[in-house]
Amino acid sequence: MNDERPTPPPSDPPAAGSAPSQQELAVRSALETVMDPEINLSVIDLGLIREIRFLDPPKTLVRMMLTTPFCPYAPQLIQDVTQAVTSVVPQECEVEIMPDPWSPDLMPDPGLLGFSY
């Protein structure tokens, strides 16, 4: 790159490139309130949220998994995820369900399930 501007001092506001990570943190925080009704853990704790992207034109894309392939709560979870995301990033939100199988290995802390596997 030919960008020869000096690095801004720490007191300067963050560069535009760091804004999506702030948005993602806000979205992930909001998603901690979305609970799987059977397991009673959040979609974040279960590791169901696999990707959050901010697209142009403005839209938030959330790629998530379900704990079981034909989860009867899928429509409610999608609605709850959409509501949580749009509450912190007021733009269209698309929730894409990934076909990949879920496993406790995807959880940040599998011990939250309360048993060893």
C-alpha atoms as a PDB file:
ATOM      1  CA  MET A   1       0.000   0.000   0.000  1.00  0.00           C
ATOM      2  CA  ASN A   2       1.088   3.559  -0.613  1.00  0.00           C
ATOM      3  CA  ASP A   3      -0.581   4.939   2.483  1.00  0.00           C
ATOM      4  CA  GLU A   4       2.087   7.112   4.068  1.00  0.00           C
ATOM      5  CA  ARG A   5      -0.085   8.826   6.664  1.00  0.00           C
ATOM      6  CA  PRO A   6       1.307   8.638  10.188  1.00  0.00           C
ATOM      7  CA  THR A   7      -0.376   6.380  12.691  1.00  0.00           C
ATOM      8  CA  PRO A   8      -2.896   8.456  14.676  1.00  0.00           C
ATOM      9  CA  PRO A   9      -2.239   8.895  18.371  1.00  0.00           C
ATOM     10  CA  PRO A  10      -4.350   6.729  20.721  1.00  0.00           C
ATOM     11  CA  SER A  11      -6.637   9.653  21.574  1.00  0.00           C
ATOM     12  CA  ASP A  12      -7.958   9.862  17.995  1.00  0.00           C
ATOM     13  CA  PRO A  13     -11.306   8.163  17.233  1.00  0.00           C
ATOM     14  CA  PRO A  14     -11.057   4.637  15.833  1.00  0.00           C
ATOM     15  CA  ALA A  15     -10.620   4.272  12.101  1.00  0.00           C
ATOM     16  CA  ALA A  16     -13.608   3.317   9.968  1.00  0.00           C
ATOM     17  CA  GLY A  17     -12.214  -0.204   9.568  1.00  0.00           C
ATOM     18  CA  SER A  18     -12.701  -0.927  13.270  1.00  0.00           C
ATOM     19  CA  ALA A  19     -16.412   0.052  13.283  1.00  0.00           C
ATOM     20  CA  PRO A  20     -17.707  -3.395  12.190  1.00  0.00           C
ATOM     21  CA  SER A  21     -15.958  -5.072  15.105  1.00  0.00           C
ATOM     22  CA  GLN A  22     -17.740  -2.674  17.468  1.00  0.00           C
ATOM     23  CA  GLN A  23     -21.021  -3.525  15.762  1.00  0.00           C
ATOM     24  CA  GLU A  24     -20.290  -7.232  15.989  1.00  0.00           C
ATOM     25  CA  LEU A  25     -19.580  -6.937  19.713  1.00  0.00           C
ATOM     26  CA  ALA A  26     -22.894  -5.124  20.185  1.00  0.00           C
ATOM     27  CA  VAL A  27     -24.745  -7.757  18.156  1.00  0.00           C
ATOM     28  CA  ARG A  28     -23.112 -10.636  20.047  1.00  0.00           C
ATOM     29  CA  SER A  29     -24.012  -8.964  23.331  1.00  0.00           C
ATOM     30  CA  ALA A  30     -27.648  -8.629  22.234  1.00  0.00           C
ATOM     31  CA  LEU A  31     -27.676 -12.267  21.086  1.00  0.00           C
ATOM     32  CA  GLU A  32     -26.719 -13.388  24.596  1.00  0.00           C
ATOM     33  CA  THR A  33     -30.378 -12.723  25.467  1.00  0.00           C
ATOM     34  CA  VAL A  34     -31.685 -15.163  22.814  1.00  0.00           C
ATOM     35  CA  MET A  35     -32.216 -18.462  24.592  1.00  0.00           C
ATOM     36  CA  ASP A  36     -32.649 -21.951  23.211  1.00  0.00           C
ATOM     37  CA  PRO A  37     -35.965 -22.910  24.876  1.00  0.00           C
ATOM     38  CA  GLU A  38     -35.054 -26.587  25.381  1.00  0.00           C
ATOM     39  CA  ILE A  39     -31.474 -26.232  26.618  1.00  0.00           C
ATOM     40  CA  ASN A  40     -31.975 -22.865  28.356  1.00  0.00           C
ATOM     41  CA  LEU A  41     -28.643 -21.473  27.163  1.00  0.00           C
ATOM     42  CA  SER A  42     -28.131 -18.551  24.805  1.00  0.00           C
ATOM     43  CA  VAL A  43     -27.367 -18.972  21.121  1.00  0.00           C
ATOM     44  CA  ILE A  44     -23.955 -17.445  21.942  1.00  0.00           C
ATOM     45  CA  ASP A  45     -23.242 -19.892  24.795  1.00  0.00           C
ATOM     46  CA  LEU A  46     -24.249 -22.799  22.546  1.00  0.00           C
ATOM     47  CA  GLY A  47     -21.941 -21.616  19.753  1.00  0.00           C
ATOM     48  CA  LEU A  48     -24.847 -21.499  17.296  1.00  0.00           C
ATOM     49  CA  ILE A  49     -23.868 -18.109  15.863  1.00  0.00           C
ATOM     50  CA  ARG A  50     -21.126 -18.887  13.360  1.00  0.00           C
ATOM     51  CA  GLU A  51     -20.778 -15.578  11.489  1.00  0.00           C
ATOM     52  CA  ILE A  52     -21.987 -11.982  11.637  1.00  0.00           C
ATOM     53  CA  ARG A  53     -21.380  -9.811   8.585  1.00  0.00           C
ATOM     54  CA  PHE A  54     -22.344  -6.262   7.734  1.00  0.00           C
ATOM     55  CA  LEU A  55     -23.134  -5.966   4.036  1.00  0.00           C
ATOM     56  CA  ASP A  56     -23.575  -3.113   1.589  1.00  0.00           C
ATOM     57  CA  PRO A  57     -26.319  -2.110   0.880  1.00  0.00           C
ATOM     58  CA  PRO A  58     -26.862  -2.018   4.623  1.00  0.00           C
ATOM     59  CA  LYS A  59     -27.915  -5.429   5.872  1.00  0.00           C
ATOM     60  CA  THR A  60     -26.741  -7.619   8.724  1.00  0.00           C
ATOM     61  CA  LEU A  61     -26.180 -11.264   7.827  1.00  0.00           C
ATOM     62  CA  VAL A  62     -26.174 -13.762  10.678  1.00  0.00           C
ATOM     63  CA  ARG A  63     -25.183 -17.328   9.854  1.00  0.00           C
ATOM     64  CA  MET A  64     -26.240 -19.770  12.547  1.00  0.00           C
ATOM     65  CA  MET A  65     -26.688 -23.445  13.235  1.00  0.00           C
ATOM     66  CA  LEU A  66     -29.438 -25.295  15.037  1.00  0.00           C
ATOM     67  CA  THR A  67     -28.818 -27.869  17.768  1.00  0.00           C
ATOM     68  CA  THR A  68     -30.838 -30.434  15.785  1.00  0.00           C
ATOM     69  CA  PRO A  69     -31.512 -30.553  12.022  1.00  0.00           C
ATOM     70  CA  PHE A  70     -35.295 -30.214  12.322  1.00  0.00           C
ATOM     71  CA  CYS A  71     -35.433 -28.065  15.437  1.00  0.00           C
ATOM     72  CA  PRO A  72     -39.096 -27.278  16.152  1.00  0.00           C
ATOM     73  CA  TYR A  73     -38.028 -23.931  17.621  1.00  0.00           C
ATOM     74  CA  ALA A  74     -36.185 -22.774  14.479  1.00  0.00           C
ATOM     75  CA  PRO A  75     -38.819 -20.205  13.406  1.00  0.00           C
ATOM     76  CA  GLN A  76     -38.922 -18.693  16.902  1.00  0.00           C
ATOM     77  CA  LEU A  77     -35.120 -18.635  17.187  1.00  0.00           C
ATOM     78  CA  ILE A  78     -34.810 -16.920  13.797  1.00  0.00           C
ATOM     79  CA  GLN A  79     -37.379 -14.315  14.863  1.00  0.00           C
ATOM     80  CA  ASP A  80     -35.645 -13.768  18.227  1.00  0.00           C
ATOM     81  CA  VAL A  81     -32.206 -13.439  16.583  1.00  0.00           C
ATOM     82  CA  THR A  82     -33.573 -10.962  14.037  1.00  0.00           C
ATOM     83  CA  GLN A  83     -35.212  -8.887  16.769  1.00  0.00           C
ATOM     84  CA  ALA A  84     -32.062  -8.865  18.937  1.00  0.00           C
ATOM     85  CA  VAL A  85     -29.835  -7.863  16.011  1.00  0.00           C
ATOM     86  CA  THR A  86     -32.101  -5.074  14.758  1.00  0.00           C
ATOM     87  CA  SER A  87     -32.404  -3.700  18.301  1.00  0.00           C
ATOM     88  CA  VAL A  88     -28.697  -2.752  18.217  1.00  0.00           C
ATOM     89  CA  VAL A  89     -28.099  -2.339  14.459  1.00  0.00           C
ATOM     90  CA  PRO A  90     -31.245  -0.760  12.985  1.00  0.00           C
ATOM     91  CA  GLN A  91     -31.080  -2.203   9.488  1.00  0.00           C
ATOM     92  CA  GLU A  92     -32.402  -5.248   7.662  1.00  0.00           C
ATOM     93  CA  CYS A  93     -31.252  -8.539   9.153  1.00  0.00           C
ATOM     94  CA  GLU A  94     -31.050 -11.864   7.341  1.00  0.00           C
ATOM     95  CA  VAL A  95     -30.628 -15.055   9.364  1.00  0.00           C
ATOM     96  CA  GLU A  96     -29.186 -17.927   7.365  1.00  0.00           C
ATOM     97  CA  ILE A  97     -29.466 -21.407   8.851  1.00  0.00           C
ATOM     98  CA  MET A  98     -26.398 -23.477   8.100  1.00  0.00           C
ATOM     99  CA  PRO A  99     -26.848 -27.198   7.358  1.00  0.00           C
ATOM    100  CA  ASP A 100     -23.786 -28.193   9.408  1.00  0.00           C
ATOM    101  CA  PRO A 101     -24.364 -30.469  12.399  1.00  0.00           C
ATOM    102  CA  TRP A 102     -24.005 -28.830  15.809  1.00  0.00           C
ATOM    103  CA  SER A 103     -21.780 -30.296  18.489  1.00  0.00           C
ATOM    104  CA  PRO A 104     -20.918 -29.193  22.047  1.00  0.00           C
ATOM    105  CA  ASP A 105     -17.357 -28.801  20.716  1.00  0.00           C
ATOM    106  CA  LEU A 106     -18.564 -25.573  19.068  1.00  0.00           C
ATOM    107  CA  MET A 107     -19.440 -24.034  22.436  1.00  0.00           C
ATOM    108  CA  PRO A 108     -17.022 -21.567  24.053  1.00  0.00           C
ATOM    109  CA  ASP A 109     -17.601 -23.478  27.338  1.00  0.00           C
ATOM    110  CA  PRO A 110     -19.105 -26.973  26.849  1.00  0.00           C
ATOM    111  CA  GLY A 111     -19.186 -27.335  30.651  1.00  0.00           C
ATOM    112  CA  LEU A 112     -22.291 -25.122  30.613  1.00  0.00           C
ATOM    113  CA  LEU A 113     -24.251 -28.195  29.531  1.00  0.00           C
ATOM    114  CA  GLY A 114     -23.628 -29.646  32.986  1.00  0.00           C
ATOM    115  CA  PHE A 115     -22.215 -32.980  31.912  1.00  0.00           C
ATOM    116  CA  SER A 116     -19.146 -34.483  30.297  1.00  0.00           C
ATOM    117  CA  TYR A 117     -19.415 -35.799  26.789  1.00  0.00           C
END
